[in-house]
Every structure is written in C-alpha cells, then in structure tokens.
Amino acid sequence: MISAITKSVLLPEHYRHHASAKAYQKENSDQIRYQIFNMHNHYLDRLDNTSQQYAINLSINSSCHKISSLFDPKVTLPSYLNEGEGFGKIYAFKRQRNYQDQGYKFIQLPSVEIGSRRCLPKDTVIDFFKDIDDYVNKHATRLKWTKVQLIDYYNACTYQLAFQFLILTGVRPTHALSLETQRCYGLKQAIHADKGRYRVIFLCNFLQQSIRDYLSLQKDILTQLKVETTSPYLWFLLDNKSQPLHLNAKMMRQFMQQHWPNKDKDNIDPYCLRHTFAQLALTAINKKENEHEHEHEHEREKELLLTPQQIDRLMGHSSFGEHLGSDYCFPPNRKILLAFLNSLPTELKFTLHSKRLENTNQSEEDDHEKPL
C-alpha cells in the first residue's frame, strides 16, 4: 500500500486517486523512497508466487543480469530496512572522496518534505485543546450566575464543541461549523454539506457524548435565560441579547489565534485542523489485538490502518464515487473508519467534563445585566 503522495511522485495526474489528496498530507523523501522499494518487492513477490503456482519458467536471463536472482529466497533485507529507528525510511547518501586516505566516505543527505505545510504538530494541538478546557473551566467556576456569565460560559462550551467537531471529523470549516438538526441521525452519523454536495460523516463515540452533554447544558441555559430559539443548527453562540448567533470562519479564526499556545499565530486558522486530521489518518497504525502472534513479523506490526481510498472517503474526496454508499456495501470498511475515528480522542488526550449547571443562585453583584 502506497500513499497518495507517493502515487503523485510515480504516476501522471490522470492516474492519481484524487488530485488534491497530496495537498492535505505530508511525507518526506526518505519515507517515499521506502514505499517505492517496498512496492517493487511486493510486486516481485506476487510474480514469484504466481510463477510457482502455475509452473511458469521465469529463468530468462539477459547478457548482463540474471532475472532468477530477483527471486532468490536466500537474499534477505538488511537490518536497517526491517527494524530500528530508520524503519519505514531509506536514507540517501552522497559519496565523497576522502583525500586523506584516498578513500571514500558517505554523507547522509537531508530529507525533502513533500505535501502539506499547514499540518499542525500533534503536541501543539493537544496544548491548544487543553487551553480551551481551561478556558471553559474558568467560566464554569461560579457560585452565583448572572445573565452575562451564563452566556459567556455557554459560548465557551460552544467554541469547545465546534473545535472538537473539526478535528474529529476533518470537515471543511469554510462550509459548516455545526450540524443541522434535521440532518443528524441519532448522533452517530450526519449528512454534511460539502462543496455543494451532501455526504455522510461519522461521529466517534467521544463526539457523540460531547454533543449530548452540550445539548443538555444548552437546554438548561436557554431555560434559565427564558429564550426560545428556532435555530436549525445543533450548536450556536448567544449574543448579548440572548439571541442565536451562528458560528462563522472569522469567529473561529479569531478564537483559535487567541488561544493558540505558540507565538507564531499569523498563519493559524481552523482549516489547519483539517490538514492535521488528514495527517493523523495517514500515520494511523493498525494496532493488533494479539500482537504476540506477530512477534516475528515486525513489518506487519507497523501496518498502516487506512488505505488512501479510506482517507479520501473521510476527507470527502470522491473522484471515483467514494460517496456512493460503499460503507453500507462493505461493512468492514465502515468498521475500520470508526476504529480510526474512535482512536483520535485518546491520541489527542481529550477528556469529557460535566457541563451541568450545579448552581444558578442569583448574584447580588451590581452587573450591567440583571441577575437571574
């Protein structure tokens, strides 16, 4: 299995799975070199197995090379291709003459990054969501609530859920920042408007519970504020008049830059989370339930969880009709997609927090809004 970026290096554009897939992923030249090497060996292995199965003679030798040497079972891969820190990479070296002893020395060349430059470091994303958690908790610690404090707390929870939705689904933040109530089915999946076409997105278990907690809080706060709303979306902000205010890309970008843990915030925007989602999908490892059964199969333990086609399905790329119900024709495919989505909250160290209002006593403080 080779990635979309490796395909873009090997194949012309009209043979690629999706033209934009490589724009969301990132790999370096050492990784691409290893994938090409592995692919060639895999093809030779298939050819050898087929020739033995059907008794086909492949011992056709040219004047310079013996083709039979390609299928010699005694040939083993060097250790650096099987294990260790360099597993999954083949480094490039430059041979340089050593004039002291008239010999040669080999200098490792730096790898070249290919693909997305908007993918965010995982550790920084974890810190960003921790900062949002602290922001929400700071607004939740109230002994007595005023109207303004309730709205601030509710809006903080709304931003938290919106960013969780983006990183756990990979949807385009320029098209939708919330789910439509009438197109969300049991909180397990939803129909999402994406570039003028509707597609099904799956919600992981963590996101389902997070939405339930939020909707419970939303009901409590709207009741306290005596607000009746007919918003078509599941989550939305409240303005200073307690009226629904739908999220937009500008609001999300400003909030993200305000809470981003690093000083370099100019190029940070919610669309970077979509690139990060794609990179997490590309590097997701298939964790075997019984790893001890594969102790001598190091390469199988390193097997990637998702194929390029499955990544395109999650990203909404559909050059070959990936949106036409393949998840229902092939249930195992859906199981793999859900396994990846359910692994993301643990990967990003998400934790669920209770969003119930435990105390709604009136405040005696002189606020510009009347106390509840």
Protein backbone atom coordinates (compact mmCIF):
# COMPACT_ATOMS: atom_id res chain seq x y z
CA MET A 1 0.00 0.00 0.00
CA ILE A 2 1.44 3.33 -1.05
CA SER A 3 0.27 6.78 -0.04
CA ALA A 4 -1.31 9.47 -2.20
CA ILE A 5 1.93 11.47 -2.10
CA THR A 6 4.00 8.53 -3.35
CA LYS A 7 1.45 7.97 -6.13
CA SER A 8 1.79 11.63 -7.10
CA VAL A 9 5.55 11.14 -7.46
CA LEU A 10 5.24 7.97 -9.56
CA LEU A 11 2.11 8.50 -11.65
CA PRO A 12 0.83 11.17 -14.03
CA GLU A 13 -2.04 13.31 -12.79
CA HIS A 14 -4.85 11.45 -14.61
CA TYR A 15 -3.83 8.19 -12.88
CA ARG A 16 -3.90 9.57 -9.35
CA HIS A 17 -6.71 8.69 -6.98
CA HIS A 18 -7.55 12.32 -6.21
CA ALA A 19 -5.76 15.43 -7.42
CA SER A 20 -5.98 17.29 -4.06
CA ALA A 21 -5.22 14.37 -1.72
CA LYS A 22 -1.49 15.10 -1.52
CA ALA A 23 -2.19 18.73 -0.53
CA TYR A 24 -3.51 17.59 2.86
CA GLN A 25 -0.77 15.09 3.73
CA LYS A 26 2.94 15.33 4.38
CA GLU A 27 5.79 12.86 3.90
CA ASN A 28 9.50 13.18 3.30
CA SER A 29 11.66 11.76 0.55
CA ASP A 30 13.08 9.03 2.82
CA GLN A 31 9.59 7.66 3.50
CA ILE A 32 8.61 7.86 -0.18
CA ARG A 33 11.79 6.04 -1.18
CA TYR A 34 10.98 3.22 1.26
CA GLN A 35 7.42 2.89 -0.05
CA ILE A 36 8.62 2.61 -3.65
CA PHE A 37 11.20 0.00 -2.65
CA ASN A 38 8.59 -1.96 -0.70
CA MET A 39 6.11 -1.75 -3.58
CA HIS A 40 8.62 -3.18 -6.07
CA ASN A 41 9.43 -6.05 -3.72
CA HIS A 42 5.73 -6.75 -3.23
CA TYR A 43 5.16 -6.94 -6.99
CA LEU A 44 8.13 -9.28 -7.41
CA ASP A 45 6.78 -11.46 -4.61
CA ARG A 46 3.41 -11.72 -6.32
CA LEU A 47 5.11 -12.56 -9.61
CA ASP A 48 7.19 -15.27 -7.95
CA ASN A 49 4.16 -16.81 -6.21
CA THR A 50 2.18 -16.83 -9.45
CA SER A 51 5.01 -18.41 -11.41
CA GLN A 52 5.32 -21.21 -8.85
CA GLN A 53 1.55 -21.75 -8.71
CA TYR A 54 1.21 -22.12 -12.48
CA ALA A 55 4.70 -23.59 -13.14
CA ILE A 56 5.85 -20.67 -15.27
CA ASN A 57 9.56 -20.58 -16.04
CA LEU A 58 10.98 -17.13 -15.23
CA SER A 59 14.64 -18.03 -15.67
CA ILE A 60 15.07 -15.79 -18.68
CA ASN A 61 18.50 -14.21 -18.41
CA SER A 62 19.90 -11.30 -20.29
CA SER A 63 23.55 -10.89 -21.13
CA CYS A 64 24.10 -8.63 -18.13
CA HIS A 65 21.62 -9.70 -15.44
CA LYS A 66 20.11 -12.95 -14.25
CA ILE A 67 16.41 -12.48 -13.56
CA SER A 68 16.43 -15.54 -11.31
CA SER A 69 18.47 -13.59 -8.75
CA LEU A 70 15.43 -11.40 -8.14
CA PHE A 71 13.59 -14.40 -6.71
CA ASP A 72 16.42 -15.94 -4.73
CA PRO A 73 14.95 -16.85 -1.27
CA LYS A 74 18.41 -16.65 0.29
CA VAL A 75 18.52 -12.89 -0.26
CA THR A 76 17.45 -11.11 2.92
CA LEU A 77 16.81 -7.45 3.54
CA PRO A 78 19.46 -5.53 5.51
CA SER A 79 18.63 -4.73 9.11
CA TYR A 80 18.04 -1.01 8.53
CA LEU A 81 15.05 -1.88 6.31
CA ASN A 82 13.47 -4.15 8.90
CA GLU A 83 13.90 -2.62 12.32
CA GLY A 84 15.33 0.19 14.36
CA GLU A 85 14.87 3.93 14.25
CA GLY A 86 15.09 4.03 10.48
CA PHE A 87 12.27 1.56 9.86
CA GLY A 88 9.98 2.91 7.15
CA LYS A 89 12.70 5.09 5.65
CA ILE A 90 15.54 4.70 3.18
CA TYR A 91 18.13 7.41 3.54
CA ALA A 92 20.03 8.92 0.64
CA PHE A 93 23.80 9.33 0.79
CA LYS A 94 26.36 11.24 -1.20
CA ARG A 95 29.70 9.58 -1.87
CA GLN A 96 32.57 11.97 -1.29
CA ARG A 97 36.27 11.33 -1.78
CA ASN A 98 38.38 11.43 1.34
CA TYR A 99 41.66 12.98 0.24
CA GLN A 100 43.47 11.99 3.43
CA ASP A 101 43.46 8.26 2.70
CA GLN A 102 42.29 8.41 -0.94
CA GLY A 103 39.14 6.55 0.05
CA TYR A 104 35.50 7.50 0.09
CA LYS A 105 33.06 8.49 2.76
CA PHE A 106 29.27 8.61 2.63
CA ILE A 107 27.39 11.66 3.85
CA GLN A 108 23.69 11.33 4.60
CA LEU A 109 21.57 13.83 2.67
CA PRO A 110 18.73 15.72 4.39
CA SER A 111 15.24 14.59 3.50
CA VAL A 112 12.88 16.75 1.46
CA GLU A 113 9.39 17.43 2.80
CA ILE A 114 6.61 16.98 0.25
CA GLY A 115 2.96 17.87 0.68
CA SER A 116 1.04 19.98 3.18
CA ARG A 117 2.70 22.81 5.09
CA ARG A 118 -0.42 23.56 7.13
CA CYS A 119 -0.42 20.39 9.23
CA LEU A 120 -0.03 21.26 12.91
CA PRO A 121 2.27 19.43 15.37
CA LYS A 122 0.27 16.98 17.47
CA ASP A 123 1.74 18.19 20.77
CA THR A 124 0.77 21.77 19.97
CA VAL A 125 -2.77 20.69 19.07
CA ILE A 126 -3.01 18.87 22.41
CA ASP A 127 -1.89 22.04 24.23
CA PHE A 128 -4.44 24.09 22.26
CA PHE A 129 -7.33 21.90 23.35
CA LYS A 130 -6.05 21.89 26.94
CA ASP A 131 -6.11 25.68 26.82
CA ILE A 132 -9.73 25.56 25.66
CA ASP A 133 -10.55 23.19 28.54
CA ASP A 134 -9.01 25.66 30.99
CA TYR A 135 -10.96 28.48 29.37
CA VAL A 136 -14.24 26.57 29.79
CA ASN A 137 -13.43 25.57 33.38
CA LYS A 138 -12.60 29.17 34.27
CA HIS A 139 -16.08 30.24 33.18
CA ALA A 140 -17.69 27.28 34.95
CA THR A 141 -16.43 28.11 38.44
CA ARG A 142 -19.27 30.38 39.55
CA LEU A 143 -21.05 30.26 42.87
CA LYS A 144 -23.71 32.63 41.61
CA TRP A 145 -24.56 33.28 38.00
CA THR A 146 -25.55 36.44 36.18
CA LYS A 147 -27.00 36.52 32.71
CA VAL A 148 -23.69 37.65 31.20
CA GLN A 149 -21.77 34.89 32.98
CA LEU A 150 -24.19 32.23 31.75
CA ILE A 151 -23.85 33.43 28.17
CA ASP A 152 -20.03 33.54 28.44
CA TYR A 153 -19.94 30.00 29.81
CA TYR A 154 -22.34 28.76 27.15
CA ASN A 155 -20.34 30.39 24.35
CA ALA A 156 -17.09 28.91 25.70
CA CYS A 157 -18.65 25.43 25.59
CA THR A 158 -19.89 26.13 22.04
CA TYR A 159 -16.40 27.00 20.82
CA GLN A 160 -15.01 23.92 22.54
CA LEU A 161 -17.51 21.62 20.81
CA ALA A 162 -17.02 23.32 17.43
CA PHE A 163 -13.25 22.76 17.51
CA GLN A 164 -13.70 19.16 18.68
CA PHE A 165 -16.07 18.64 15.76
CA LEU A 166 -13.48 19.95 13.28
CA ILE A 167 -10.55 17.82 14.47
CA LEU A 168 -12.64 14.66 14.99
CA THR A 169 -14.37 14.74 11.58
CA GLY A 170 -11.98 16.63 9.29
CA VAL A 171 -14.78 18.63 7.66
CA ARG A 172 -14.05 21.87 5.85
CA PRO A 173 -14.57 24.73 8.33
CA THR A 174 -15.44 27.07 5.48
CA HIS A 175 -18.57 25.06 4.67
CA ALA A 176 -20.09 24.15 8.04
CA LEU A 177 -19.16 24.69 11.67
CA SER A 178 -22.17 22.93 13.15
CA LEU A 179 -24.58 20.13 12.27
CA GLU A 180 -28.09 20.72 11.06
CA THR A 181 -30.62 19.21 13.45
CA GLN A 182 -32.73 17.63 10.72
CA ARG A 183 -29.68 16.00 9.11
CA CYS A 184 -28.19 14.44 12.24
CA TYR A 185 -29.34 10.88 12.89
CA GLY A 186 -29.04 9.57 16.44
CA LEU A 187 -25.76 11.48 16.82
CA LYS A 188 -23.98 8.52 15.19
CA GLN A 189 -23.78 10.00 11.73
CA ALA A 190 -24.89 13.10 9.91
CA ILE A 191 -25.32 14.45 6.40
CA HIS A 192 -22.95 17.31 5.86
CA ALA A 193 -22.99 19.94 3.09
CA ASP A 194 -19.59 19.89 1.43
CA LYS A 195 -18.82 21.92 -1.72
CA GLY A 196 -22.39 21.86 -2.96
CA ARG A 197 -22.90 18.15 -2.30
CA TYR A 198 -24.13 16.27 0.72
CA ARG A 199 -22.03 13.47 2.18
CA VAL A 200 -22.27 11.24 5.22
CA ILE A 201 -19.86 11.82 8.10
CA PHE A 202 -19.42 9.50 11.07
CA LEU A 203 -19.26 10.75 14.64
CA CYS A 204 -16.95 8.95 17.06
CA ASN A 205 -18.18 7.86 20.49
CA PHE A 206 -16.44 10.73 22.26
CA LEU A 207 -18.01 13.34 19.96
CA GLN A 208 -21.45 11.78 20.40
CA GLN A 209 -21.21 12.06 24.18
CA SER A 210 -19.76 15.56 23.97
CA ILE A 211 -22.74 16.69 21.86
CA ARG A 212 -25.19 15.09 24.30
CA ASP A 213 -23.60 16.91 27.24
CA TYR A 214 -23.63 20.18 25.32
CA LEU A 215 -27.31 19.84 24.32
CA SER A 216 -28.21 19.15 27.96
CA LEU A 217 -26.34 22.30 29.01
CA GLN A 218 -27.93 24.25 26.17
CA LYS A 219 -31.40 23.26 27.34
CA ASP A 220 -30.63 24.31 30.94
CA ILE A 221 -29.16 27.68 29.98
CA LEU A 222 -31.88 28.56 27.47
CA THR A 223 -34.43 27.70 30.15
CA GLN A 224 -32.66 29.91 32.69
CA LEU A 225 -32.49 32.76 30.19
CA LYS A 226 -36.10 32.14 29.08
CA VAL A 227 -35.01 32.02 25.46
CA GLU A 228 -36.89 30.22 22.71
CA THR A 229 -34.88 29.57 19.58
CA THR A 230 -35.65 28.08 16.20
CA SER A 231 -32.04 27.70 15.05
CA PRO A 232 -31.60 24.89 12.51
CA TYR A 233 -28.19 24.01 13.99
CA LEU A 234 -27.32 21.86 17.00
CA TRP A 235 -24.83 24.32 18.45
CA PHE A 236 -24.63 28.08 18.14
CA LEU A 237 -23.48 31.13 20.10
CA LEU A 238 -25.65 33.60 22.01
CA ASP A 239 -25.24 37.34 21.59
CA ASN A 240 -25.62 39.88 24.41
CA LYS A 241 -29.37 39.90 23.79
CA SER A 242 -29.55 36.10 24.23
CA GLN A 243 -30.30 35.59 20.55
CA PRO A 244 -28.73 32.77 18.50
CA LEU A 245 -25.58 33.72 16.64
CA HIS A 246 -24.27 31.21 14.11
CA LEU A 247 -20.57 30.46 14.00
CA ASN A 248 -18.51 31.60 11.03
CA ALA A 249 -14.93 31.18 9.89
CA LYS A 250 -13.85 34.62 11.13
CA MET A 251 -15.09 33.96 14.69
CA MET A 252 -13.36 30.59 14.77
CA ARG A 253 -10.09 32.00 13.42
CA GLN A 254 -10.03 34.81 15.98
CA PHE A 255 -10.77 32.41 18.85
CA MET A 256 -8.12 29.96 17.64
CA GLN A 257 -5.42 32.62 17.36
CA GLN A 258 -6.36 33.97 20.78
CA HIS A 259 -5.84 30.57 22.45
CA TRP A 260 -3.04 29.18 20.28
CA PRO A 261 -0.14 28.17 22.59
CA ASN A 262 2.70 29.30 20.28
CA LYS A 263 3.69 32.86 19.49
CA ASP A 264 3.53 32.30 15.73
CA LYS A 265 -0.22 32.73 15.20
CA ASP A 266 -0.44 34.63 11.93
CA ASN A 267 -0.84 31.55 9.73
CA ILE A 268 -3.03 29.61 12.15
CA ASP A 269 -6.65 29.09 11.16
CA PRO A 270 -9.28 26.34 11.62
CA TYR A 271 -8.53 24.90 8.17
CA CYS A 272 -5.18 23.73 9.59
CA LEU A 273 -7.15 21.24 11.70
CA ARG A 274 -8.41 19.57 8.52
CA HIS A 275 -4.81 19.13 7.37
CA THR A 276 -3.91 17.76 10.80
CA PHE A 277 -6.82 15.29 10.62
CA ALA A 278 -5.56 14.04 7.25
CA GLN A 279 -2.02 13.58 8.61
CA LEU A 280 -3.32 11.66 11.63
CA ALA A 281 -5.25 9.42 9.23
CA LEU A 282 -2.16 8.88 7.08
CA THR A 283 0.05 7.85 10.02
CA ALA A 284 -2.55 5.82 11.98
CA ILE A 285 -1.11 2.40 12.83
CA ASN A 286 -3.17 -0.79 12.80
CA LYS A 287 -2.79 -1.95 16.40
CA LYS A 288 -3.14 -5.70 16.51
CA GLU A 289 -5.36 -7.12 19.22
CA ASN A 290 -2.97 -10.05 19.61
CA GLU A 291 0.42 -8.55 18.98
CA HIS A 292 2.22 -11.55 20.40
CA GLU A 293 1.05 -13.55 17.39
CA HIS A 294 3.19 -11.34 15.17
CA GLU A 295 6.37 -11.06 17.23
CA HIS A 296 8.43 -12.16 14.23
CA GLU A 297 6.58 -10.03 11.74
CA HIS A 298 7.84 -6.57 12.57
CA GLU A 299 6.59 -5.11 9.31
CA ARG A 300 3.03 -6.31 9.90
CA GLU A 301 3.04 -4.66 13.33
CA LYS A 302 3.84 -1.41 11.53
CA GLU A 303 0.96 -1.83 9.08
CA LEU A 304 -0.99 1.34 8.42
CA LEU A 305 -4.65 1.31 9.41
CA LEU A 306 -6.19 3.24 6.50
CA THR A 307 -5.75 2.92 2.76
CA PRO A 308 -5.51 6.06 0.58
CA GLN A 309 -9.07 5.35 -0.58
CA GLN A 310 -10.35 5.28 3.00
CA ILE A 311 -8.55 8.53 3.80
CA ASP A 312 -10.18 10.13 0.76
CA ARG A 313 -13.55 8.85 2.00
CA LEU A 314 -13.04 10.57 5.38
CA MET A 315 -11.83 13.76 3.70
CA GLY A 316 -14.75 13.96 1.27
CA HIS A 317 -12.63 13.38 -1.84
CA SER A 318 -14.59 11.38 -4.38
CA SER A 319 -13.06 11.18 -7.84
CA PHE A 320 -14.24 7.59 -8.23
CA GLY A 321 -17.57 7.67 -6.39
CA GLU A 322 -16.40 7.01 -2.82
CA HIS A 323 -19.50 8.85 -1.57
CA LEU A 324 -21.94 6.40 -3.18
CA GLY A 325 -22.60 4.11 -0.23
CA SER A 326 -19.54 1.85 -0.16
CA ASP A 327 -19.70 1.90 3.66
CA TYR A 328 -23.00 0.05 3.51
CA CYS A 329 -21.95 -2.34 0.74
CA PHE A 330 -18.83 -3.27 2.71
CA PRO A 331 -19.46 -3.06 6.49
CA PRO A 332 -15.83 -3.99 7.34
CA ASN A 333 -14.78 -0.76 5.63
CA ARG A 334 -17.03 1.25 7.94
CA LYS A 335 -15.65 -0.65 10.95
CA ILE A 336 -12.11 0.42 10.05
CA LEU A 337 -13.14 4.06 9.62
CA LEU A 338 -14.86 4.07 13.02
CA ALA A 339 -11.82 2.42 14.63
CA PHE A 340 -9.67 5.31 13.44
CA LEU A 341 -12.19 7.99 14.47
CA ASN A 342 -12.60 6.46 17.93
CA SER A 343 -8.82 6.44 18.42
CA LEU A 344 -8.48 10.20 17.86
CA PRO A 345 -9.74 11.42 21.29
CA THR A 346 -7.19 9.20 23.03
CA GLU A 347 -4.47 10.31 20.61
CA LEU A 348 -5.25 13.96 21.37
CA LYS A 349 -5.76 13.33 25.11
CA PHE A 350 -9.36 14.54 25.20
CA THR A 351 -11.38 14.16 28.40
CA LEU A 352 -15.10 14.59 28.98
CA HIS A 353 -16.20 17.09 31.61
CA SER A 354 -19.64 17.52 33.12
CA LYS A 355 -21.43 20.56 31.73
CA ARG A 356 -24.38 20.60 34.13
CA LEU A 357 -25.24 23.83 35.92
CA GLU A 358 -24.90 22.91 39.57
CA ASN A 359 -25.69 26.34 41.00
CA THR A 360 -27.92 29.00 39.47
CA ASN A 361 -28.43 31.19 42.53
CA GLN A 362 -28.97 34.88 41.98
CA SER A 363 -25.98 37.18 42.14
CA GLU A 364 -26.05 40.22 44.36
CA GLU A 365 -23.25 41.91 42.43
CA ASP A 366 -24.01 45.11 40.55
CA ASP A 367 -23.72 43.95 36.93
CA HIS A 368 -24.90 45.73 33.81
CA GLU A 369 -27.18 42.74 33.28
CA LYS A 370 -29.90 41.78 35.71
CA PRO A 371 -29.12 38.76 37.88
CA LEU A 372 -31.06 35.58 37.35
